[in-house]
């Protein structure tokens, strides 16, 4: 028996925790913007420098997205753009989890 993880888990999670006002994803090179309901977060990263090995902490913007919100074959990719909360970001990396969700690692544009 297959479990529809997208509608049973991801959809309700986006409904509770997601922002929809508005979050827009635009593919690299332009094209039609895709309106999304997504979960925005500042994710903690620990960076270790080679010099003395002392850990340095930083926060980095990330966006959790439900891949079914995109047209088939047109999911988020590196260098896409995300606009939310009045700010514009570039997608540095896309980390799909294999069950219909992906984390977009974001970089604030200047």
C-alpha atoms as a PDB file:
ATOM      1  CA  UNK A   1       0.000   0.000   0.000  1.00  0.00           C
ATOM      2  CA  UNK A   2       1.514   3.302  -1.097  1.00  0.00           C
ATOM      3  CA  UNK A   3       1.233   6.265   1.225  1.00  0.00           C
ATOM      4  CA  UNK A   4       0.498   9.633  -0.387  1.00  0.00           C
ATOM      5  CA  UNK A   5       3.061  11.507   1.697  1.00  0.00           C
ATOM      6  CA  UNK A   6       2.556  14.687  -0.327  1.00  0.00           C
ATOM      7  CA  UNK A   7      -1.127  15.107   0.518  1.00  0.00           C
ATOM      8  CA  UNK A   8      -1.138  13.440   3.962  1.00  0.00           C
ATOM      9  CA  UNK A   9       1.946  15.111   5.455  1.00  0.00           C
ATOM     10  CA  UNK A  10       3.537  17.805   3.301  1.00  0.00           C
ATOM     11  CA  UNK A  11       0.311  19.567   2.329  1.00  0.00           C
ATOM     12  CA  UNK A  12      -0.984  19.880   5.910  1.00  0.00           C
ATOM     13  CA  UNK A  13       2.454  21.016   7.139  1.00  0.00           C
ATOM     14  CA  UNK A  14       2.569  23.751   4.513  1.00  0.00           C
ATOM     15  CA  UNK A  15      -0.974  24.727   5.472  1.00  0.00           C
ATOM     16  CA  UNK A  16       0.022  25.191   9.109  1.00  0.00           C
ATOM     17  CA  UNK A  17       3.609  26.475   8.914  1.00  0.00           C
ATOM     18  CA  UNK A  18       3.859  27.902   5.398  1.00  0.00           C
ATOM     19  CA  UNK A  19       3.886  31.503   4.299  1.00  0.00           C
ATOM     20  CA  UNK A  20       1.808  32.321   1.308  1.00  0.00           C
ATOM     21  CA  UNK A  21       1.863  36.028   1.294  1.00  0.00           C
ATOM     22  CA  UNK A  22       3.362  36.093  -1.330  1.00  0.00           C
ATOM     23  CA  UNK A  23       6.330  33.803  -1.939  1.00  0.00           C
ATOM     24  CA  UNK A  24       7.397  33.814  -5.587  1.00  0.00           C
ATOM     25  CA  UNK A  25       9.934  31.554  -7.321  1.00  0.00           C
ATOM     26  CA  UNK A  26      11.277  32.654 -10.717  1.00  0.00           C
ATOM     27  CA  UNK A  27      13.435  30.265 -12.763  1.00  0.00           C
ATOM     28  CA  UNK A  28      16.905  31.384 -13.889  1.00  0.00           C
ATOM     29  CA  UNK A  29      16.771  33.499 -17.016  1.00  0.00           C
ATOM     30  CA  UNK A  30      13.244  34.679 -16.245  1.00  0.00           C
ATOM     31  CA  UNK A  31       9.944  33.113 -17.078  1.00  0.00           C
ATOM     32  CA  UNK A  32       6.689  32.992 -15.215  1.00  0.00           C
ATOM     33  CA  UNK A  33       6.944  33.360 -11.444  1.00  0.00           C
ATOM     34  CA  UNK A  34       5.485  30.451  -9.451  1.00  0.00           C
ATOM     35  CA  UNK A  35       3.494  31.480  -6.351  1.00  0.00           C
ATOM     36  CA  UNK A  36       4.267  29.174  -3.431  1.00  0.00           C
ATOM     37  CA  UNK A  37       3.246  28.364   0.083  1.00  0.00           C
ATOM     38  CA  UNK A  38       6.610  27.686   1.733  1.00  0.00           C
ATOM     39  CA  UNK A  39       8.339  27.593   5.124  1.00  0.00           C
ATOM     40  CA  UNK A  40      11.039  30.258   5.565  1.00  0.00           C
ATOM     41  CA  UNK A  41      13.763  29.810   8.166  1.00  0.00           C
ATOM     42  CA  UNK A  42      17.235  30.927   9.137  1.00  0.00           C
ATOM     43  CA  UNK A  43      19.162  27.673   9.427  1.00  0.00           C
ATOM     44  CA  UNK A  44      22.173  27.457  11.724  1.00  0.00           C
ATOM     45  CA  UNK A  45      25.451  26.401  10.128  1.00  0.00           C
ATOM     46  CA  UNK A  46      28.761  25.751  11.822  1.00  0.00           C
ATOM     47  CA  UNK A  47      31.774  26.660   9.735  1.00  0.00           C
ATOM     48  CA  UNK A  48      35.274  25.544  10.724  1.00  0.00           C
ATOM     49  CA  UNK A  49      38.248  27.486   9.399  1.00  0.00           C
ATOM     50  CA  UNK A  50      41.487  25.665   8.603  1.00  0.00           C
ATOM     51  CA  UNK A  51      43.730  28.113  10.499  1.00  0.00           C
ATOM     52  CA  UNK A  52      43.100  27.286  14.142  1.00  0.00           C
ATOM     53  CA  UNK A  53      40.077  25.037  13.749  1.00  0.00           C
ATOM     54  CA  UNK A  54      37.871  27.308  15.849  1.00  0.00           C
ATOM     55  CA  UNK A  55      34.188  26.892  14.960  1.00  0.00           C
ATOM     56  CA  UNK A  56      32.363  29.918  13.654  1.00  0.00           C
ATOM     57  CA  UNK A  57      28.571  29.981  13.597  1.00  0.00           C
ATOM     58  CA  UNK A  58      26.360  31.649  11.026  1.00  0.00           C
ATOM     59  CA  UNK A  59      22.709  31.670  10.043  1.00  0.00           C
ATOM     60  CA  UNK A  60      21.650  31.186   6.445  1.00  0.00           C
ATOM     61  CA  UNK A  61      18.237  31.706   4.884  1.00  0.00           C
ATOM     62  CA  UNK A  62      16.439  28.555   3.743  1.00  0.00           C
ATOM     63  CA  UNK A  63      13.048  27.869   2.214  1.00  0.00           C
ATOM     64  CA  UNK A  64      11.167  24.576   2.550  1.00  0.00           C
ATOM     65  CA  UNK A  65       9.001  23.893  -0.504  1.00  0.00           C
ATOM     66  CA  UNK A  66       6.508  21.225  -1.523  1.00  0.00           C
ATOM     67  CA  UNK A  67       7.679  20.099  -4.971  1.00  0.00           C
ATOM     68  CA  UNK A  68       4.123  19.346  -6.152  1.00  0.00           C
ATOM     69  CA  UNK A  69       3.525  23.118  -6.286  1.00  0.00           C
ATOM     70  CA  UNK A  70       5.756  23.237  -9.383  1.00  0.00           C
ATOM     71  CA  UNK A  71       4.855  22.044 -12.879  1.00  0.00           C
ATOM     72  CA  UNK A  72       6.249  18.567 -13.680  1.00  0.00           C
ATOM     73  CA  UNK A  73       9.873  18.867 -14.765  1.00  0.00           C
ATOM     74  CA  UNK A  74      10.024  22.524 -13.711  1.00  0.00           C
ATOM     75  CA  UNK A  75      11.062  22.294 -10.071  1.00  0.00           C
ATOM     76  CA  UNK A  76      13.367  24.736  -8.331  1.00  0.00           C
ATOM     77  CA  UNK A  77      16.991  24.904  -9.494  1.00  0.00           C
ATOM     78  CA  UNK A  78      20.203  26.656  -8.548  1.00  0.00           C
ATOM     79  CA  UNK A  79      20.299  30.354  -9.555  1.00  0.00           C
ATOM     80  CA  UNK A  80      16.505  30.640  -9.469  1.00  0.00           C
ATOM     81  CA  UNK A  81      15.151  33.643  -7.588  1.00  0.00           C
ATOM     82  CA  UNK A  82      12.832  33.781  -4.606  1.00  0.00           C
ATOM     83  CA  UNK A  83      10.984  36.878  -3.452  1.00  0.00           C
ATOM     84  CA  UNK A  84       9.394  36.971  -0.028  1.00  0.00           C
ATOM     85  CA  UNK A  85       8.930  39.366   2.872  1.00  0.00           C
ATOM     86  CA  UNK A  86       9.893  42.216   0.539  1.00  0.00           C
ATOM     87  CA  UNK A  87      13.348  40.736  -0.113  1.00  0.00           C
ATOM     88  CA  UNK A  88      14.921  39.000  -3.086  1.00  0.00           C
ATOM     89  CA  UNK A  89      17.104  35.893  -2.823  1.00  0.00           C
ATOM     90  CA  UNK A  90      19.103  33.697  -5.203  1.00  0.00           C
ATOM     91  CA  UNK A  91      18.879  29.918  -4.806  1.00  0.00           C
ATOM     92  CA  UNK A  92      22.383  28.619  -4.019  1.00  0.00           C
ATOM     93  CA  UNK A  93      21.417  24.971  -3.648  1.00  0.00           C
ATOM     94  CA  UNK A  94      18.377  22.683  -3.849  1.00  0.00           C
ATOM     95  CA  UNK A  95      18.258  19.755  -1.416  1.00  0.00           C
ATOM     96  CA  UNK A  96      15.357  17.396  -2.233  1.00  0.00           C
ATOM     97  CA  UNK A  97      14.510  14.838   0.444  1.00  0.00           C
ATOM     98  CA  UNK A  98      13.175  12.138  -1.888  1.00  0.00           C
ATOM     99  CA  UNK A  99       9.590  12.306  -0.610  1.00  0.00           C
ATOM    100  CA  UNK A 100       8.327  15.464  -2.305  1.00  0.00           C
ATOM    101  CA  UNK A 101       9.934  18.226  -0.253  1.00  0.00           C
ATOM    102  CA  UNK A 102      13.080  20.283  -0.831  1.00  0.00           C
ATOM    103  CA  UNK A 103      15.111  22.833   1.080  1.00  0.00           C
ATOM    104  CA  UNK A 104      16.281  25.795  -0.984  1.00  0.00           C
ATOM    105  CA  UNK A 105      19.446  27.361   0.419  1.00  0.00           C
ATOM    106  CA  UNK A 106      19.167  31.092  -0.251  1.00  0.00           C
ATOM    107  CA  UNK A 107      21.506  34.053  -0.609  1.00  0.00           C
ATOM    108  CA  UNK A 108      20.190  37.596  -0.204  1.00  0.00           C
ATOM    109  CA  UNK A 109      20.682  39.672  -3.355  1.00  0.00           C
ATOM    110  CA  UNK A 110      22.256  43.079  -3.089  1.00  0.00           C
END
